[in-house]
Amino acid sequence: MSSGSEALGPGPSRSALASPTAGILASLAVVLAMIVWLRLVGRPFVCPCGVVKIWQGDLAAAENSQQFSDWYSLLHIVFGMALAGFVAWMKPRWPLGKRAVTAVVSSALWEGMENTPVLIAMFAHPEGAPAYAGDSILNATGDTVFVMAGFFLAARLPVWATLVIALAADGLVEFAVHDGFVLGTLRLLGAPV
């Protein structure tokens, strides 16, 4: 017979994010907090140009990073894939739901930082880069959706397939809009590209 203190003692701990419902609610709360933050730093809900689109294929300065998806959505998929690998490596025993919430938090933190005046200025005018004036809230939310798509894709695919998709996505963005992880990093480092 066990005493009451043994029953309450150490044992398998249940995470607050153990249930899918809790994970979804936590993710929604994070996205809502991101939206509130973006409004506080002055980001518009939708493109100030007055047009709302699901896809923005050209790099017209007025709509760059303002619509739900664009060429950079592919890079957010790659970011989600990288997050899936990194979190699984750092916390291999965490359930998928807890890792997914971590990815949502990471994406929301990036969107919050990316849309501060300091980082907007850093990305705004590198030579050869498309014009950038920050994201609309619609675009930042879309970016987070694409991060999660990449996260779940990588969680299901073998590593080699994830790497092939990531390299192809970055290559496509570099070809289509002369930007991407490699070219963008080189620009930020001052290399001529």
N, C-alpha and C. Protein backbone atom coordinates (compact mmCIF):
# COMPACT_ATOMS: atom_id res chain seq x y z
N MET A 1 0.84 -1.17 0.00
CA MET A 1 0.00 0.00 0.00
C MET A 1 0.88 1.24 0.00
N SER A 2 0.56 2.18 -0.85
CA SER A 2 1.39 3.38 -0.93
C SER A 2 0.76 4.50 -0.14
N SER A 3 1.63 5.37 0.35
CA SER A 3 1.13 6.52 1.09
C SER A 3 0.72 7.61 0.12
N GLY A 4 0.00 8.57 0.58
CA GLY A 4 -0.46 9.66 -0.26
C GLY A 4 0.70 10.45 -0.85
N SER A 5 1.80 10.58 -0.10
CA SER A 5 2.92 11.36 -0.62
C SER A 5 3.61 10.64 -1.76
N GLU A 6 3.63 9.30 -1.75
CA GLU A 6 4.23 8.56 -2.86
C GLU A 6 3.40 8.74 -4.13
N ALA A 7 2.10 8.77 -3.99
CA ALA A 7 1.24 8.92 -5.15
C ALA A 7 1.43 10.28 -5.82
N LEU A 8 1.80 11.27 -5.04
CA LEU A 8 2.00 12.60 -5.59
C LEU A 8 3.46 12.88 -5.93
N GLY A 9 4.34 11.95 -5.60
CA GLY A 9 5.78 12.13 -5.80
C GLY A 9 6.17 12.06 -7.27
N PRO A 10 7.48 11.92 -7.52
CA PRO A 10 8.00 11.91 -8.88
C PRO A 10 7.38 10.81 -9.71
N GLY A 11 7.19 11.09 -10.91
CA GLY A 11 6.63 10.15 -11.87
C GLY A 11 6.63 10.80 -13.22
N PRO A 12 6.03 10.15 -14.20
CA PRO A 12 6.00 10.78 -15.51
C PRO A 12 5.23 12.09 -15.45
N SER A 13 5.86 13.16 -15.87
CA SER A 13 5.17 14.45 -15.84
C SER A 13 4.38 14.64 -17.13
N ARG A 14 3.23 15.22 -16.98
CA ARG A 14 2.38 15.51 -18.15
C ARG A 14 2.59 16.95 -18.53
N SER A 15 2.90 17.15 -19.76
CA SER A 15 3.10 18.51 -20.25
C SER A 15 1.75 19.18 -20.43
N ALA A 16 1.75 20.48 -20.24
CA ALA A 16 0.53 21.25 -20.48
C ALA A 16 0.15 21.21 -21.95
N LEU A 17 1.11 20.83 -22.81
CA LEU A 17 0.84 20.78 -24.24
C LEU A 17 0.67 19.34 -24.73
N ALA A 18 0.33 18.43 -23.84
CA ALA A 18 0.23 17.02 -24.21
C ALA A 18 -0.95 16.75 -25.14
N SER A 19 -2.02 17.47 -24.99
CA SER A 19 -3.19 17.20 -25.83
C SER A 19 -3.12 18.05 -27.10
N PRO A 20 -3.62 17.53 -28.22
CA PRO A 20 -3.64 18.33 -29.45
C PRO A 20 -4.42 19.63 -29.29
N THR A 21 -5.51 19.59 -28.54
CA THR A 21 -6.31 20.79 -28.34
C THR A 21 -5.50 21.87 -27.63
N ALA A 22 -4.76 21.49 -26.59
CA ALA A 22 -3.94 22.45 -25.87
C ALA A 22 -2.87 23.04 -26.78
N GLY A 23 -2.26 22.21 -27.61
CA GLY A 23 -1.25 22.69 -28.54
C GLY A 23 -1.82 23.68 -29.55
N ILE A 24 -3.00 23.36 -30.06
CA ILE A 24 -3.66 24.26 -31.03
C ILE A 24 -4.02 25.58 -30.36
N LEU A 25 -4.57 25.51 -29.16
CA LEU A 25 -4.94 26.74 -28.44
C LEU A 25 -3.71 27.58 -28.12
N ALA A 26 -2.63 26.93 -27.70
CA ALA A 26 -1.38 27.66 -27.42
C ALA A 26 -0.85 28.31 -28.69
N SER A 27 -0.89 27.60 -29.81
CA SER A 27 -0.42 28.15 -31.08
C SER A 27 -1.26 29.35 -31.51
N LEU A 28 -2.57 29.25 -31.37
CA LEU A 28 -3.46 30.36 -31.71
C LEU A 28 -3.18 31.58 -30.82
N ALA A 29 -2.92 31.33 -29.54
CA ALA A 29 -2.61 32.43 -28.62
C ALA A 29 -1.31 33.11 -29.03
N VAL A 30 -0.32 32.33 -29.46
CA VAL A 30 0.96 32.91 -29.91
C VAL A 30 0.74 33.76 -31.15
N VAL A 31 -0.03 33.26 -32.12
CA VAL A 31 -0.29 34.02 -33.34
C VAL A 31 -1.06 35.30 -33.01
N LEU A 32 -2.03 35.22 -32.12
CA LEU A 32 -2.77 36.42 -31.71
C LEU A 32 -1.84 37.43 -31.05
N ALA A 33 -0.93 36.97 -30.20
CA ALA A 33 0.04 37.88 -29.57
C ALA A 33 0.93 38.52 -30.63
N MET A 34 1.32 37.75 -31.65
CA MET A 34 2.14 38.29 -32.74
C MET A 34 1.37 39.40 -33.47
N ILE A 35 0.10 39.15 -33.75
CA ILE A 35 -0.73 40.15 -34.45
C ILE A 35 -0.83 41.44 -33.62
N VAL A 36 -1.06 41.30 -32.32
CA VAL A 36 -1.14 42.47 -31.44
C VAL A 36 0.19 43.23 -31.47
N TRP A 37 1.30 42.52 -31.36
CA TRP A 37 2.61 43.16 -31.39
C TRP A 37 2.81 43.91 -32.71
N LEU A 38 2.49 43.26 -33.82
CA LEU A 38 2.68 43.90 -35.12
C LEU A 38 1.85 45.17 -35.26
N ARG A 39 0.65 45.17 -34.71
CA ARG A 39 -0.16 46.40 -34.73
C ARG A 39 0.48 47.48 -33.86
N LEU A 40 1.02 47.06 -32.70
CA LEU A 40 1.66 48.02 -31.81
C LEU A 40 2.88 48.68 -32.46
N VAL A 41 3.59 47.96 -33.33
CA VAL A 41 4.74 48.56 -34.01
C VAL A 41 4.34 49.20 -35.34
N GLY A 42 3.02 49.30 -35.59
CA GLY A 42 2.54 50.07 -36.73
C GLY A 42 2.36 49.33 -38.03
N ARG A 43 2.40 48.00 -38.01
CA ARG A 43 2.22 47.25 -39.25
C ARG A 43 0.74 47.26 -39.64
N PRO A 44 0.45 47.42 -40.94
CA PRO A 44 -0.95 47.41 -41.39
C PRO A 44 -1.49 45.97 -41.44
N PHE A 45 -2.79 45.85 -41.33
CA PHE A 45 -3.39 44.51 -41.44
C PHE A 45 -3.20 43.94 -42.84
N VAL A 46 -3.44 44.76 -43.84
CA VAL A 46 -3.31 44.32 -45.24
C VAL A 46 -2.48 45.35 -45.99
N CYS A 47 -2.21 45.07 -47.22
CA CYS A 47 -1.40 45.95 -48.06
C CYS A 47 -1.98 47.37 -48.08
N PRO A 48 -1.18 48.38 -47.77
CA PRO A 48 -1.67 49.77 -47.86
C PRO A 48 -2.12 50.15 -49.27
N CYS A 49 -1.75 49.35 -50.26
CA CYS A 49 -2.17 49.62 -51.64
C CYS A 49 -3.66 49.37 -51.84
N GLY A 50 -4.31 48.74 -50.87
CA GLY A 50 -5.75 48.48 -50.95
C GLY A 50 -6.12 47.19 -51.65
N VAL A 51 -5.14 46.41 -52.09
CA VAL A 51 -5.39 45.16 -52.79
C VAL A 51 -5.04 44.00 -51.85
N VAL A 52 -5.88 42.98 -51.82
CA VAL A 52 -5.61 41.79 -51.03
C VAL A 52 -5.56 40.60 -51.97
N LYS A 53 -4.45 39.87 -51.93
CA LYS A 53 -4.26 38.71 -52.80
C LYS A 53 -3.76 37.54 -51.99
N ILE A 54 -4.04 36.34 -52.49
CA ILE A 54 -3.47 35.12 -51.90
C ILE A 54 -2.02 34.98 -52.33
N TRP A 55 -1.69 35.34 -53.58
CA TRP A 55 -0.33 35.18 -54.12
C TRP A 55 0.13 36.48 -54.78
N GLN A 56 1.33 36.89 -54.48
CA GLN A 56 1.97 38.06 -55.11
C GLN A 56 3.23 37.56 -55.80
N GLY A 57 3.18 37.42 -57.11
CA GLY A 57 4.31 36.84 -57.84
C GLY A 57 5.36 37.82 -58.28
N ASP A 58 4.98 39.06 -58.56
CA ASP A 58 6.00 40.02 -58.97
C ASP A 58 6.46 40.81 -57.75
N LEU A 59 7.52 41.54 -57.92
CA LEU A 59 8.09 42.26 -56.78
C LEU A 59 7.79 43.75 -56.83
N ALA A 60 6.54 44.08 -57.18
CA ALA A 60 6.14 45.49 -57.16
C ALA A 60 6.35 46.01 -55.75
N ALA A 61 7.11 47.11 -55.64
CA ALA A 61 7.50 47.62 -54.32
C ALA A 61 6.30 47.84 -53.39
N ALA A 62 5.17 48.28 -53.94
CA ALA A 62 4.01 48.57 -53.10
C ALA A 62 3.41 47.31 -52.47
N GLU A 63 3.62 46.14 -53.10
CA GLU A 63 3.01 44.92 -52.59
C GLU A 63 4.01 43.90 -52.06
N ASN A 64 5.30 44.20 -52.10
CA ASN A 64 6.30 43.25 -51.64
C ASN A 64 6.12 42.97 -50.15
N SER A 65 5.96 41.71 -49.80
CA SER A 65 5.74 41.25 -48.42
C SER A 65 4.46 41.82 -47.80
N GLN A 66 3.45 42.04 -48.65
CA GLN A 66 2.18 42.58 -48.17
C GLN A 66 1.03 41.60 -48.34
N GLN A 67 1.16 40.65 -49.26
CA GLN A 67 0.07 39.71 -49.54
C GLN A 67 0.27 38.42 -48.74
N PHE A 68 -0.73 37.54 -48.75
CA PHE A 68 -0.66 36.32 -47.94
C PHE A 68 0.56 35.48 -48.29
N SER A 69 0.84 35.31 -49.59
CA SER A 69 2.01 34.51 -49.98
C SER A 69 2.73 35.18 -51.14
N ASP A 70 4.01 34.87 -51.23
CA ASP A 70 4.87 35.40 -52.28
C ASP A 70 6.06 34.45 -52.42
N TRP A 71 7.06 34.85 -53.17
CA TRP A 71 8.23 33.98 -53.34
C TRP A 71 8.90 33.67 -52.01
N TYR A 72 8.85 34.59 -51.08
CA TYR A 72 9.49 34.38 -49.78
C TYR A 72 8.78 33.32 -48.94
N SER A 73 7.55 32.99 -49.32
CA SER A 73 6.84 31.91 -48.61
C SER A 73 7.63 30.61 -48.69
N LEU A 74 8.31 30.39 -49.81
CA LEU A 74 9.15 29.19 -49.94
C LEU A 74 10.27 29.19 -48.90
N LEU A 75 10.83 30.37 -48.63
CA LEU A 75 11.90 30.45 -47.63
C LEU A 75 11.35 30.19 -46.23
N HIS A 76 10.10 30.56 -45.98
CA HIS A 76 9.50 30.27 -44.69
C HIS A 76 9.25 28.76 -44.54
N ILE A 77 8.94 28.10 -45.63
CA ILE A 77 8.83 26.63 -45.58
C ILE A 77 10.17 26.03 -45.20
N VAL A 78 11.25 26.54 -45.80
CA VAL A 78 12.59 26.06 -45.48
C VAL A 78 12.92 26.33 -44.01
N PHE A 79 12.55 27.52 -43.52
CA PHE A 79 12.77 27.86 -42.12
C PHE A 79 12.03 26.87 -41.21
N GLY A 80 10.80 26.53 -41.57
CA GLY A 80 10.04 25.55 -40.79
C GLY A 80 10.70 24.18 -40.80
N MET A 81 11.26 23.79 -41.93
CA MET A 81 11.99 22.52 -42.02
C MET A 81 13.21 22.54 -41.10
N ALA A 82 13.93 23.65 -41.12
CA ALA A 82 15.11 23.77 -40.27
C ALA A 82 14.71 23.74 -38.79
N LEU A 83 13.60 24.40 -38.45
CA LEU A 83 13.13 24.36 -37.06
C LEU A 83 12.77 22.94 -36.63
N ALA A 84 12.13 22.21 -37.53
CA ALA A 84 11.75 20.82 -37.21
C ALA A 84 12.99 20.01 -36.87
N GLY A 85 14.02 20.14 -37.69
CA GLY A 85 15.25 19.40 -37.44
C GLY A 85 15.95 19.85 -36.18
N PHE A 86 16.03 21.16 -35.98
CA PHE A 86 16.74 21.70 -34.82
C PHE A 86 16.06 21.31 -33.51
N VAL A 87 14.74 21.49 -33.44
CA VAL A 87 14.03 21.18 -32.20
C VAL A 87 14.05 19.67 -31.93
N ALA A 88 13.92 18.86 -32.97
CA ALA A 88 13.99 17.40 -32.79
C ALA A 88 15.38 16.99 -32.29
N TRP A 89 16.41 17.67 -32.76
CA TRP A 89 17.77 17.36 -32.33
C TRP A 89 17.99 17.80 -30.88
N MET A 90 17.47 19.01 -30.53
CA MET A 90 17.66 19.53 -29.18
C MET A 90 16.78 18.82 -28.15
N LYS A 91 15.57 18.46 -28.54
CA LYS A 91 14.62 17.85 -27.60
C LYS A 91 13.98 16.61 -28.24
N PRO A 92 14.76 15.56 -28.45
CA PRO A 92 14.25 14.38 -29.17
C PRO A 92 13.09 13.68 -28.46
N ARG A 93 12.94 13.86 -27.17
CA ARG A 93 11.87 13.18 -26.43
C ARG A 93 10.57 13.98 -26.40
N TRP A 94 10.61 15.21 -26.86
CA TRP A 94 9.39 16.00 -26.88
C TRP A 94 8.42 15.44 -27.90
N PRO A 95 7.13 15.43 -27.56
CA PRO A 95 6.13 15.01 -28.55
C PRO A 95 6.04 16.03 -29.68
N LEU A 96 5.54 15.58 -30.81
CA LEU A 96 5.44 16.43 -32.00
C LEU A 96 4.67 17.72 -31.70
N GLY A 97 3.60 17.64 -30.93
CA GLY A 97 2.80 18.82 -30.62
C GLY A 97 3.59 19.90 -29.89
N LYS A 98 4.41 19.49 -28.95
CA LYS A 98 5.22 20.45 -28.20
C LYS A 98 6.28 21.07 -29.11
N ARG A 99 6.86 20.26 -29.97
CA ARG A 99 7.84 20.79 -30.94
C ARG A 99 7.15 21.76 -31.91
N ALA A 100 5.91 21.45 -32.30
CA ALA A 100 5.17 22.33 -33.22
C ALA A 100 4.88 23.68 -32.57
N VAL A 101 4.51 23.69 -31.31
CA VAL A 101 4.26 24.95 -30.61
C VAL A 101 5.57 25.75 -30.53
N THR A 102 6.67 25.07 -30.32
CA THR A 102 7.97 25.74 -30.30
C THR A 102 8.25 26.39 -31.66
N ALA A 103 7.89 25.72 -32.74
CA ALA A 103 8.07 26.28 -34.08
C ALA A 103 7.18 27.51 -34.29
N VAL A 104 5.95 27.47 -33.81
CA VAL A 104 5.05 28.63 -33.92
C VAL A 104 5.64 29.81 -33.15
N VAL A 105 6.12 29.55 -31.94
CA VAL A 105 6.72 30.61 -31.13
C VAL A 105 7.94 31.20 -31.85
N SER A 106 8.78 30.34 -32.41
CA SER A 106 9.97 30.80 -33.13
C SER A 106 9.59 31.67 -34.32
N SER A 107 8.60 31.23 -35.07
CA SER A 107 8.15 32.00 -36.23
C SER A 107 7.58 33.35 -35.80
N ALA A 108 6.76 33.34 -34.77
CA ALA A 108 6.15 34.59 -34.29
C ALA A 108 7.22 35.55 -33.77
N LEU A 109 8.22 35.02 -33.07
CA LEU A 109 9.30 35.88 -32.60
C LEU A 109 10.06 36.49 -33.76
N TRP A 110 10.34 35.68 -34.80
CA TRP A 110 11.04 36.21 -35.97
C TRP A 110 10.20 37.30 -36.63
N GLU A 111 8.91 37.05 -36.84
CA GLU A 111 8.05 38.04 -37.49
C GLU A 111 8.01 39.32 -36.67
N GLY A 112 7.96 39.19 -35.35
CA GLY A 112 7.96 40.36 -34.49
C GLY A 112 9.24 41.16 -34.60
N MET A 113 10.38 40.47 -34.64
CA MET A 113 11.67 41.17 -34.77
C MET A 113 11.88 41.72 -36.17
N GLU A 114 11.52 40.93 -37.19
CA GLU A 114 11.72 41.33 -38.59
C GLU A 114 10.99 42.63 -38.91
N ASN A 115 9.92 42.90 -38.21
CA ASN A 115 9.09 44.07 -38.51
C ASN A 115 9.31 45.23 -37.56
N THR A 116 10.45 45.22 -36.88
CA THR A 116 10.85 46.39 -36.10
C THR A 116 11.58 47.34 -37.04
N PRO A 117 11.56 48.63 -36.75
CA PRO A 117 12.23 49.59 -37.64
C PRO A 117 13.70 49.26 -37.91
N VAL A 118 14.42 48.75 -36.92
CA VAL A 118 15.84 48.45 -37.11
C VAL A 118 16.04 47.38 -38.18
N LEU A 119 15.28 46.28 -38.08
CA LEU A 119 15.47 45.20 -39.07
C LEU A 119 14.86 45.55 -40.41
N ILE A 120 13.77 46.31 -40.43
CA ILE A 120 13.23 46.75 -41.71
C ILE A 120 14.29 47.57 -42.44
N ALA A 121 14.96 48.46 -41.72
CA ALA A 121 16.01 49.28 -42.33
C ALA A 121 17.17 48.42 -42.82
N MET A 122 17.51 47.37 -42.08
CA MET A 122 18.62 46.51 -42.48
C MET A 122 18.30 45.78 -43.79
N PHE A 123 17.06 45.32 -43.94
CA PHE A 123 16.67 44.57 -45.13
C PHE A 123 16.19 45.46 -46.28
N ALA A 124 15.96 46.75 -46.01
CA ALA A 124 15.28 47.61 -46.97
C ALA A 124 16.07 47.93 -48.23
N HIS A 125 17.35 48.17 -48.11
CA HIS A 125 18.06 48.74 -49.25
C HIS A 125 19.38 48.08 -49.63
N PRO A 126 19.62 46.80 -49.35
CA PRO A 126 20.88 46.23 -49.85
C PRO A 126 20.89 46.27 -51.37
N GLU A 127 22.04 46.60 -51.94
CA GLU A 127 22.14 46.72 -53.39
C GLU A 127 21.75 45.42 -54.07
N GLY A 128 20.86 45.52 -55.05
CA GLY A 128 20.43 44.35 -55.81
C GLY A 128 19.26 43.60 -55.20
N ALA A 129 18.86 43.98 -53.98
CA ALA A 129 17.76 43.28 -53.32
C ALA A 129 16.43 43.94 -53.67
N PRO A 130 15.34 43.17 -53.65
CA PRO A 130 14.02 43.77 -53.87
C PRO A 130 13.70 44.77 -52.76
N ALA A 131 12.88 45.76 -53.08
CA ALA A 131 12.48 46.76 -52.08
C ALA A 131 11.73 46.08 -50.94
N TYR A 132 11.96 46.55 -49.72
CA TYR A 132 11.30 45.96 -48.55
C TYR A 132 10.97 47.06 -47.57
N ALA A 133 9.71 47.11 -47.14
CA ALA A 133 9.27 48.12 -46.17
C ALA A 133 8.56 47.47 -44.98
N GLY A 134 8.83 46.20 -44.75
CA GLY A 134 8.16 45.48 -43.68
C GLY A 134 6.97 44.69 -44.20
N ASP A 135 6.44 43.82 -43.34
CA ASP A 135 5.32 42.94 -43.71
C ASP A 135 3.99 43.53 -43.26
N SER A 136 2.96 43.18 -44.00
CA SER A 136 1.61 43.41 -43.48
C SER A 136 1.33 42.28 -42.48
N ILE A 137 0.33 42.44 -41.67
CA ILE A 137 -0.05 41.39 -40.72
C ILE A 137 -0.54 40.16 -41.49
N LEU A 138 -1.23 40.39 -42.61
CA LEU A 138 -1.65 39.27 -43.46
C LEU A 138 -0.44 38.46 -43.91
N ASN A 139 0.61 39.13 -44.36
CA ASN A 139 1.81 38.44 -44.83
C ASN A 139 2.53 37.73 -43.69
N ALA A 140 2.65 38.38 -42.54
CA ALA A 140 3.32 37.77 -41.39
C ALA A 140 2.57 36.52 -40.93
N THR A 141 1.25 36.58 -40.97
CA THR A 141 0.45 35.40 -40.60
C THR A 141 0.64 34.30 -41.63
N GLY A 142 0.64 34.66 -42.91
CA GLY A 142 0.92 33.69 -43.97
C GLY A 142 2.29 33.07 -43.81
N ASP A 143 3.29 33.90 -43.45
CA ASP A 143 4.64 33.39 -43.23
C ASP A 143 4.64 32.32 -42.15
N THR A 144 3.89 32.55 -41.08
CA THR A 144 3.82 31.58 -39.99
C THR A 144 3.12 30.30 -40.44
N VAL A 145 2.10 30.42 -41.27
CA VAL A 145 1.44 29.24 -41.84
C VAL A 145 2.44 28.42 -42.66
N PHE A 146 3.26 29.11 -43.45
CA PHE A 146 4.24 28.40 -44.28
C PHE A 146 5.36 27.78 -43.44
N VAL A 147 5.75 28.45 -42.36
CA VAL A 147 6.73 27.85 -41.44
C VAL A 147 6.17 26.53 -40.91
N MET A 148 4.90 26.54 -40.53
CA MET A 148 4.31 25.32 -39.98
C MET A 148 4.17 24.24 -41.05
N ALA A 149 3.89 24.64 -42.28
CA ALA A 149 3.83 23.66 -43.38
C ALA A 149 5.19 22.99 -43.54
N GLY A 150 6.26 23.78 -43.52
CA GLY A 150 7.60 23.22 -43.62
C GLY A 150 7.94 22.35 -42.43
N PHE A 151 7.51 22.78 -41.24
CA PHE A 151 7.76 22.00 -40.03
C PHE A 151 7.13 20.60 -40.15
N PHE A 152 5.85 20.55 -40.51
CA PHE A 152 5.18 19.26 -40.58
C PHE A 152 5.67 18.42 -41.75
N LEU A 153 6.07 19.07 -42.83
CA LEU A 153 6.66 18.33 -43.95
C LEU A 153 7.94 17.63 -43.50
N ALA A 154 8.82 18.39 -42.85
CA ALA A 154 10.10 17.83 -42.39
C ALA A 154 9.90 16.77 -41.32
N ALA A 155 8.85 16.91 -40.51
CA ALA A 155 8.58 15.92 -39.47
C ALA A 155 8.17 14.58 -40.07
N ARG A 156 7.69 14.60 -41.32
CA ARG A 156 7.20 13.38 -41.96
C ARG A 156 8.17 12.80 -43.00
N LEU A 157 9.05 13.65 -43.54
CA LEU A 157 9.93 13.23 -44.62
C LEU A 157 11.30 12.78 -44.10
N PRO A 158 11.97 11.94 -44.88
CA PRO A 158 13.36 11.62 -44.50
C PRO A 158 14.24 12.86 -44.67
N VAL A 159 15.36 12.87 -43.95
CA VAL A 159 16.25 14.02 -43.97
C VAL A 159 16.71 14.36 -45.39
N TRP A 160 17.05 13.36 -46.18
CA TRP A 160 17.55 13.64 -47.54
C TRP A 160 16.49 14.36 -48.38
N ALA A 161 15.22 13.96 -48.24
CA ALA A 161 14.15 14.60 -49.01
C ALA A 161 13.94 16.04 -48.53
N THR A 162 14.04 16.26 -47.24
CA THR A 162 13.91 17.60 -46.68
C THR A 162 15.01 18.50 -47.23
N LEU A 163 16.23 18.00 -47.26
CA LEU A 163 17.36 18.78 -47.78
C LEU A 163 17.18 19.12 -49.26
N VAL A 164 16.72 18.15 -50.04
CA VAL A 164 16.50 18.39 -51.47
C VAL A 164 15.44 19.47 -51.67
N ILE A 165 14.34 19.39 -50.93
CA ILE A 165 13.27 20.39 -51.04
C ILE A 165 13.78 21.76 -50.60
N ALA A 166 14.54 21.81 -49.51
CA ALA A 166 15.06 23.09 -49.01
C ALA A 166 16.00 23.74 -50.02
N LEU A 167 16.90 22.96 -50.59
CA LEU A 167 17.84 23.50 -51.58
C LEU A 167 17.11 23.95 -52.84
N ALA A 168 16.14 23.17 -53.27
CA ALA A 168 15.36 23.54 -54.46
C ALA A 168 14.55 24.81 -54.22
N ALA A 169 13.95 24.94 -53.04
CA ALA A 169 13.15 26.13 -52.73
C ALA A 169 14.03 27.38 -52.71
N ASP A 170 15.18 27.30 -52.05
CA ASP A 170 16.07 28.46 -52.01
C ASP A 170 16.58 28.79 -53.41
N GLY A 171 16.93 27.77 -54.17
CA GLY A 171 17.39 28.00 -55.55
C GLY A 171 16.32 28.65 -56.41
N LEU A 172 15.08 28.23 -56.24
CA LEU A 172 13.97 28.80 -57.00
C LEU A 172 13.77 30.27 -56.67
N VAL A 173 13.84 30.61 -55.39
CA VAL A 173 13.69 32.01 -54.98
C VAL A 173 14.86 32.84 -55.52
N GLU A 174 16.05 32.28 -55.45
CA GLU A 174 17.21 33.02 -55.96
C GLU A 174 17.08 33.25 -57.46
N PHE A 175 16.59 32.27 -58.19
CA PHE A 175 16.40 32.40 -59.63
C PHE A 175 15.26 33.37 -59.95
N ALA A 176 14.13 33.25 -59.23
CA ALA A 176 12.92 34.02 -59.55
C ALA A 176 13.04 35.50 -59.18
N VAL A 177 13.60 35.79 -58.01
CA VAL A 177 13.60 37.18 -57.54
C VAL A 177 14.98 37.67 -57.11
N HIS A 178 16.01 36.92 -57.44
CA HIS A 178 17.39 37.28 -57.11
C HIS A 178 17.54 37.61 -55.63
N ASP A 179 17.00 36.70 -54.81
CA ASP A 179 17.09 36.82 -53.36
C ASP A 179 17.02 35.41 -52.80
N GLY A 180 17.16 35.26 -51.51
CA GLY A 180 17.10 33.95 -50.88
C GLY A 180 18.06 33.92 -49.71
N PHE A 181 18.20 32.76 -49.10
CA PHE A 181 19.08 32.66 -47.94
C PHE A 181 20.54 32.94 -48.30
N VAL A 182 21.02 32.35 -49.37
CA VAL A 182 22.43 32.51 -49.74
C VAL A 182 22.70 33.94 -50.20
N LEU A 183 21.94 34.42 -51.20
CA LEU A 183 22.17 35.77 -51.71
C LEU A 183 21.89 36.84 -50.65
N GLY A 184 20.84 36.66 -49.87
CA GLY A 184 20.52 37.62 -48.82
C GLY A 184 21.61 37.70 -47.78
N THR A 185 22.16 36.57 -47.39
CA THR A 185 23.25 36.55 -46.41
C THR A 185 24.48 37.23 -46.98
N LEU A 186 24.80 36.94 -48.24
CA LEU A 186 25.95 37.59 -48.87
C LEU A 186 25.77 39.10 -48.92
N ARG A 187 24.55 39.56 -49.24
CA ARG A 187 24.28 41.01 -49.28
C ARG A 187 24.47 41.64 -47.91
N LEU A 188 23.92 40.98 -46.87
CA LEU A 188 24.04 41.54 -45.53
C LEU A 188 25.50 41.61 -45.09
N LEU A 189 26.33 40.71 -45.61
CA LEU A 189 27.76 40.72 -45.28
C LEU A 189 28.55 41.68 -46.16
N GLY A 190 27.85 42.34 -47.11
CA GLY A 190 28.50 43.33 -47.95
C GLY A 190 29.17 42.76 -49.19
N ALA A 191 28.94 41.49 -49.50
CA ALA A 191 29.54 40.89 -50.69
C ALA A 191 28.77 41.33 -51.93
N PRO A 192 29.47 41.58 -53.03
CA PRO A 192 28.76 41.95 -54.26
C PRO A 192 28.08 40.71 -54.86
N VAL A 193 26.79 40.82 -55.12
CA VAL A 193 26.05 39.70 -55.73
C VAL A 193 25.19 40.20 -56.88
